[in-house]
Amino acid sequence: GDQPTNATQFNSNNTAENTTNNTMALRMVYDKAMGFVAKQYTAILGNQLSQYGLRYEDLLIEEEAPVKEALSLASPDVLTARTRRLKRAIDLSYKRKSLQDYAPDMQLDTFKTEIMSDIQKIKARDQEYAQLNAHNKM
């Protein structure tokens, strides 16, 4: 009577172990593939942004509450630079030109962040506030 139970228990443990190993292997392959795709996407996006002299942060939608608040807290220099980059990009797009046509040696920091940390803090604060006030919705 004991023999089949032990065999069954061994098989179920072995199956669970194989499933875990397969899941880990798939996860590693997935992560590696996504890392590759992310690098390719970042390179393409960076190239597109640099054609117009934009930064990634310039693409954020100003009407979203956290972005709007972060921009209201940003220094005047950050706002002025952002506005100039956006106006320049609109002008270049209208003329169907690239920034490289006018300033070929200009060094661009496409993924520099100036307001992203503020946006993350604002989102975390709002999330914490929602969690603390969740009892009011009952």
C-alpha atoms as a PDB file:
ATOM      1  CA  GLY A   1       0.000   0.000   0.000  1.00  0.00           C
ATOM      2  CA  ASP A   2       2.863   2.382   0.808  1.00  0.00           C
ATOM      3  CA  GLN A   3       4.775   1.820  -2.419  1.00  0.00           C
ATOM      4  CA  PRO A   4       2.361   3.515  -4.931  1.00  0.00           C
ATOM      5  CA  THR A   5       1.863   6.512  -2.632  1.00  0.00           C
ATOM      6  CA  ASN A   6       5.592   7.161  -2.468  1.00  0.00           C
ATOM      7  CA  ALA A   7       5.905   6.721  -6.233  1.00  0.00           C
ATOM      8  CA  THR A   8       2.989   9.079  -6.825  1.00  0.00           C
ATOM      9  CA  GLN A   9       4.445  11.598  -4.386  1.00  0.00           C
ATOM     10  CA  PHE A  10       7.833  11.364  -6.109  1.00  0.00           C
ATOM     11  CA  ASN A  11       6.248  11.866  -9.539  1.00  0.00           C
ATOM     12  CA  SER A  12       4.217  14.887  -8.419  1.00  0.00           C
ATOM     13  CA  ASN A  13       7.302  16.476  -6.820  1.00  0.00           C
ATOM     14  CA  ASN A  14       9.326  15.741  -9.941  1.00  0.00           C
ATOM     15  CA  THR A  15       6.602  17.239 -12.164  1.00  0.00           C
ATOM     16  CA  ALA A  16       6.429  20.384 -10.023  1.00  0.00           C
ATOM     17  CA  GLU A  17      10.214  20.670 -10.164  1.00  0.00           C
ATOM     18  CA  ASN A  18      10.227  20.271 -13.966  1.00  0.00           C
ATOM     19  CA  THR A  19       7.465  22.864 -14.312  1.00  0.00           C
ATOM     20  CA  THR A  20       9.459  25.292 -12.145  1.00  0.00           C
ATOM     21  CA  ASN A  21      12.613  24.674 -14.199  1.00  0.00           C
ATOM     22  CA  ASN A  22      10.699  25.099 -17.475  1.00  0.00           C
ATOM     23  CA  THR A  23       9.113  28.303 -16.187  1.00  0.00           C
ATOM     24  CA  MET A  24      12.519  29.650 -15.126  1.00  0.00           C
ATOM     25  CA  ALA A  25      14.031  28.739 -18.506  1.00  0.00           C
ATOM     26  CA  LEU A  26      11.165  30.399 -20.368  1.00  0.00           C
ATOM     27  CA  ARG A  27      11.485  33.457 -18.145  1.00  0.00           C
ATOM     28  CA  MET A  28      15.207  33.714 -18.937  1.00  0.00           C
ATOM     29  CA  VAL A  29      14.558  33.436 -22.693  1.00  0.00           C
ATOM     30  CA  TYR A  30      11.723  35.977 -22.441  1.00  0.00           C
ATOM     31  CA  ASP A  31      13.857  38.435 -20.441  1.00  0.00           C
ATOM     32  CA  LYS A  32      16.735  38.099 -22.884  1.00  0.00           C
ATOM     33  CA  ALA A  33      14.426  38.659 -25.876  1.00  0.00           C
ATOM     34  CA  MET A  34      12.701  41.623 -24.246  1.00  0.00           C
ATOM     35  CA  GLY A  35      16.056  43.125 -23.327  1.00  0.00           C
ATOM     36  CA  PHE A  36      17.143  42.867 -26.951  1.00  0.00           C
ATOM     37  CA  VAL A  37      13.878  44.355 -28.232  1.00  0.00           C
ATOM     38  CA  ALA A  38      14.058  47.146 -25.632  1.00  0.00           C
ATOM     39  CA  LYS A  39      17.590  48.065 -26.734  1.00  0.00           C
ATOM     40  CA  GLN A  40      16.511  48.116 -30.390  1.00  0.00           C
ATOM     41  CA  TYR A  41      13.456  50.229 -29.582  1.00  0.00           C
ATOM     42  CA  THR A  42      15.517  52.646 -27.493  1.00  0.00           C
ATOM     43  CA  ALA A  43      18.023  53.053 -30.327  1.00  0.00           C
ATOM     44  CA  ILE A  44      15.271  53.706 -32.892  1.00  0.00           C
ATOM     45  CA  LEU A  45      13.412  56.085 -30.583  1.00  0.00           C
ATOM     46  CA  GLY A  46      16.626  57.937 -29.706  1.00  0.00           C
ATOM     47  CA  ASN A  47      17.408  58.354 -33.394  1.00  0.00           C
ATOM     48  CA  GLN A  48      13.921  59.705 -34.121  1.00  0.00           C
ATOM     49  CA  LEU A  49      14.054  62.121 -31.169  1.00  0.00           C
ATOM     50  CA  SER A  50      17.526  63.408 -32.084  1.00  0.00           C
ATOM     51  CA  GLN A  51      16.329  64.241 -35.613  1.00  0.00           C
ATOM     52  CA  TYR A  52      14.126  66.894 -34.037  1.00  0.00           C
ATOM     53  CA  GLY A  53      16.310  67.726 -31.040  1.00  0.00           C
ATOM     54  CA  LEU A  54      13.793  66.356 -28.542  1.00  0.00           C
ATOM     55  CA  ARG A  55      14.179  64.452 -25.290  1.00  0.00           C
ATOM     56  CA  TYR A  56      12.091  61.490 -24.216  1.00  0.00           C
ATOM     57  CA  GLU A  57      10.519  63.596 -21.456  1.00  0.00           C
ATOM     58  CA  ASP A  58       9.283  66.060 -24.077  1.00  0.00           C
ATOM     59  CA  LEU A  59       6.871  63.370 -25.286  1.00  0.00           C
ATOM     60  CA  LEU A  60       5.042  63.183 -21.949  1.00  0.00           C
ATOM     61  CA  ILE A  61       1.461  64.430 -22.108  1.00  0.00           C
ATOM     62  CA  GLU A  62       1.189  67.692 -20.192  1.00  0.00           C
ATOM     63  CA  GLU A  63      -2.518  67.214 -19.420  1.00  0.00           C
ATOM     64  CA  GLU A  64      -1.822  64.185 -17.210  1.00  0.00           C
ATOM     65  CA  ALA A  65      -2.060  65.309 -13.595  1.00  0.00           C
ATOM     66  CA  PRO A  66       1.371  64.048 -12.386  1.00  0.00           C
ATOM     67  CA  VAL A  67       3.158  65.556 -15.418  1.00  0.00           C
ATOM     68  CA  LYS A  68       1.270  68.831 -15.037  1.00  0.00           C
ATOM     69  CA  GLU A  69       2.197  69.044 -11.349  1.00  0.00           C
ATOM     70  CA  ALA A  70       5.852  68.117 -12.000  1.00  0.00           C
ATOM     71  CA  LEU A  71       6.084  70.829 -14.664  1.00  0.00           C
ATOM     72  CA  SER A  72       4.566  73.356 -12.268  1.00  0.00           C
ATOM     73  CA  LEU A  73       7.306  72.482  -9.759  1.00  0.00           C
ATOM     74  CA  ALA A  74      10.139  72.512 -12.319  1.00  0.00           C
ATOM     75  CA  SER A  75      12.605  75.376 -12.515  1.00  0.00           C
ATOM     76  CA  PRO A  76      12.039  78.107 -15.115  1.00  0.00           C
ATOM     77  CA  ASP A  77      15.175  76.947 -16.978  1.00  0.00           C
ATOM     78  CA  VAL A  78      13.751  73.445 -17.408  1.00  0.00           C
ATOM     79  CA  LEU A  79      10.450  74.846 -18.707  1.00  0.00           C
ATOM     80  CA  THR A  80      12.160  77.279 -21.083  1.00  0.00           C
ATOM     81  CA  ALA A  81      14.424  74.571 -22.517  1.00  0.00           C
ATOM     82  CA  ARG A  82      11.458  72.213 -22.951  1.00  0.00           C
ATOM     83  CA  THR A  83       9.402  74.893 -24.715  1.00  0.00           C
ATOM     84  CA  ARG A  84      12.307  75.740 -27.029  1.00  0.00           C
ATOM     85  CA  ARG A  85      12.883  72.076 -27.915  1.00  0.00           C
ATOM     86  CA  LEU A  86       9.186  71.597 -28.688  1.00  0.00           C
ATOM     87  CA  LYS A  87       8.980  74.752 -30.821  1.00  0.00           C
ATOM     88  CA  ARG A  88      12.169  73.791 -32.676  1.00  0.00           C
ATOM     89  CA  ALA A  89      10.784  70.294 -33.324  1.00  0.00           C
ATOM     90  CA  ILE A  90       7.525  71.731 -34.696  1.00  0.00           C
ATOM     91  CA  ASP A  91       9.485  74.086 -36.944  1.00  0.00           C
ATOM     92  CA  LEU A  92      11.793  71.314 -38.215  1.00  0.00           C
ATOM     93  CA  SER A  93       8.829  69.029 -38.835  1.00  0.00           C
ATOM     94  CA  TYR A  94       6.995  71.747 -40.763  1.00  0.00           C
ATOM     95  CA  LYS A  95      10.089  72.411 -42.904  1.00  0.00           C
ATOM     96  CA  ARG A  96      10.670  68.643 -43.291  1.00  0.00           C
ATOM     97  CA  LYS A  97      14.230  69.096 -42.064  1.00  0.00           C
ATOM     98  CA  SER A  98      16.387  67.400 -39.476  1.00  0.00           C
ATOM     99  CA  LEU A  99      18.288  69.131 -36.694  1.00  0.00           C
ATOM    100  CA  GLN A 100      21.438  67.628 -38.214  1.00  0.00           C
ATOM    101  CA  ASP A 101      20.887  69.858 -41.276  1.00  0.00           C
ATOM    102  CA  TYR A 102      21.341  72.966 -39.131  1.00  0.00           C
ATOM    103  CA  ALA A 103      23.552  71.830 -36.260  1.00  0.00           C
ATOM    104  CA  PRO A 104      25.437  68.670 -37.298  1.00  0.00           C
ATOM    105  CA  ASP A 105      27.851  68.765 -34.343  1.00  0.00           C
ATOM    106  CA  MET A 106      25.251  69.412 -31.644  1.00  0.00           C
ATOM    107  CA  GLN A 107      25.499  66.964 -28.734  1.00  0.00           C
ATOM    108  CA  LEU A 108      22.072  65.758 -27.645  1.00  0.00           C
ATOM    109  CA  ASP A 109      21.232  63.994 -24.398  1.00  0.00           C
ATOM    110  CA  THR A 110      18.028  62.340 -25.626  1.00  0.00           C
ATOM    111  CA  PHE A 111      17.263  60.349 -22.474  1.00  0.00           C
ATOM    112  CA  LYS A 112      18.304  62.929 -19.874  1.00  0.00           C
ATOM    113  CA  THR A 113      15.658  63.210 -17.172  1.00  0.00           C
ATOM    114  CA  GLU A 114      14.752  66.405 -15.375  1.00  0.00           C
ATOM    115  CA  ILE A 115      11.159  65.907 -14.253  1.00  0.00           C
ATOM    116  CA  MET A 116      10.814  62.094 -14.251  1.00  0.00           C
ATOM    117  CA  SER A 117      11.832  61.672 -10.585  1.00  0.00           C
ATOM    118  CA  ASP A 118       9.241  64.286  -9.586  1.00  0.00           C
ATOM    119  CA  ILE A 119       6.579  62.481 -11.624  1.00  0.00           C
ATOM    120  CA  GLN A 120       7.426  59.189  -9.906  1.00  0.00           C
ATOM    121  CA  LYS A 121       7.258  60.813  -6.457  1.00  0.00           C
ATOM    122  CA  ILE A 122       3.904  62.444  -7.291  1.00  0.00           C
ATOM    123  CA  LYS A 123       2.480  59.117  -8.513  1.00  0.00           C
ATOM    124  CA  ALA A 124       3.745  57.345  -5.369  1.00  0.00           C
ATOM    125  CA  ARG A 125       2.218  60.057  -3.171  1.00  0.00           C
ATOM    126  CA  ASP A 126      -1.128  59.816  -4.993  1.00  0.00           C
ATOM    127  CA  GLN A 127      -1.103  56.025  -4.732  1.00  0.00           C
ATOM    128  CA  GLU A 128      -0.338  56.188  -1.002  1.00  0.00           C
ATOM    129  CA  TYR A 129      -3.098  58.748  -0.514  1.00  0.00           C
ATOM    130  CA  ALA A 130      -5.561  56.485  -2.347  1.00  0.00           C
ATOM    131  CA  GLN A 131      -4.562  53.504  -0.201  1.00  0.00           C
ATOM    132  CA  LEU A 132      -4.878  55.458   3.026  1.00  0.00           C
ATOM    133  CA  ASN A 133      -8.334  56.697   2.017  1.00  0.00           C
ATOM    134  CA  ALA A 134      -9.619  53.395   0.618  1.00  0.00           C
ATOM    135  CA  HIS A 135     -11.778  52.898   3.744  1.00  0.00           C
ATOM    136  CA  ASN A 136     -13.844  56.003   2.817  1.00  0.00           C
ATOM    137  CA  LYS A 137     -15.179  54.276  -0.310  1.00  0.00           C
ATOM    138  CA  MET A 138     -16.990  51.510   1.588  1.00  0.00           C
END
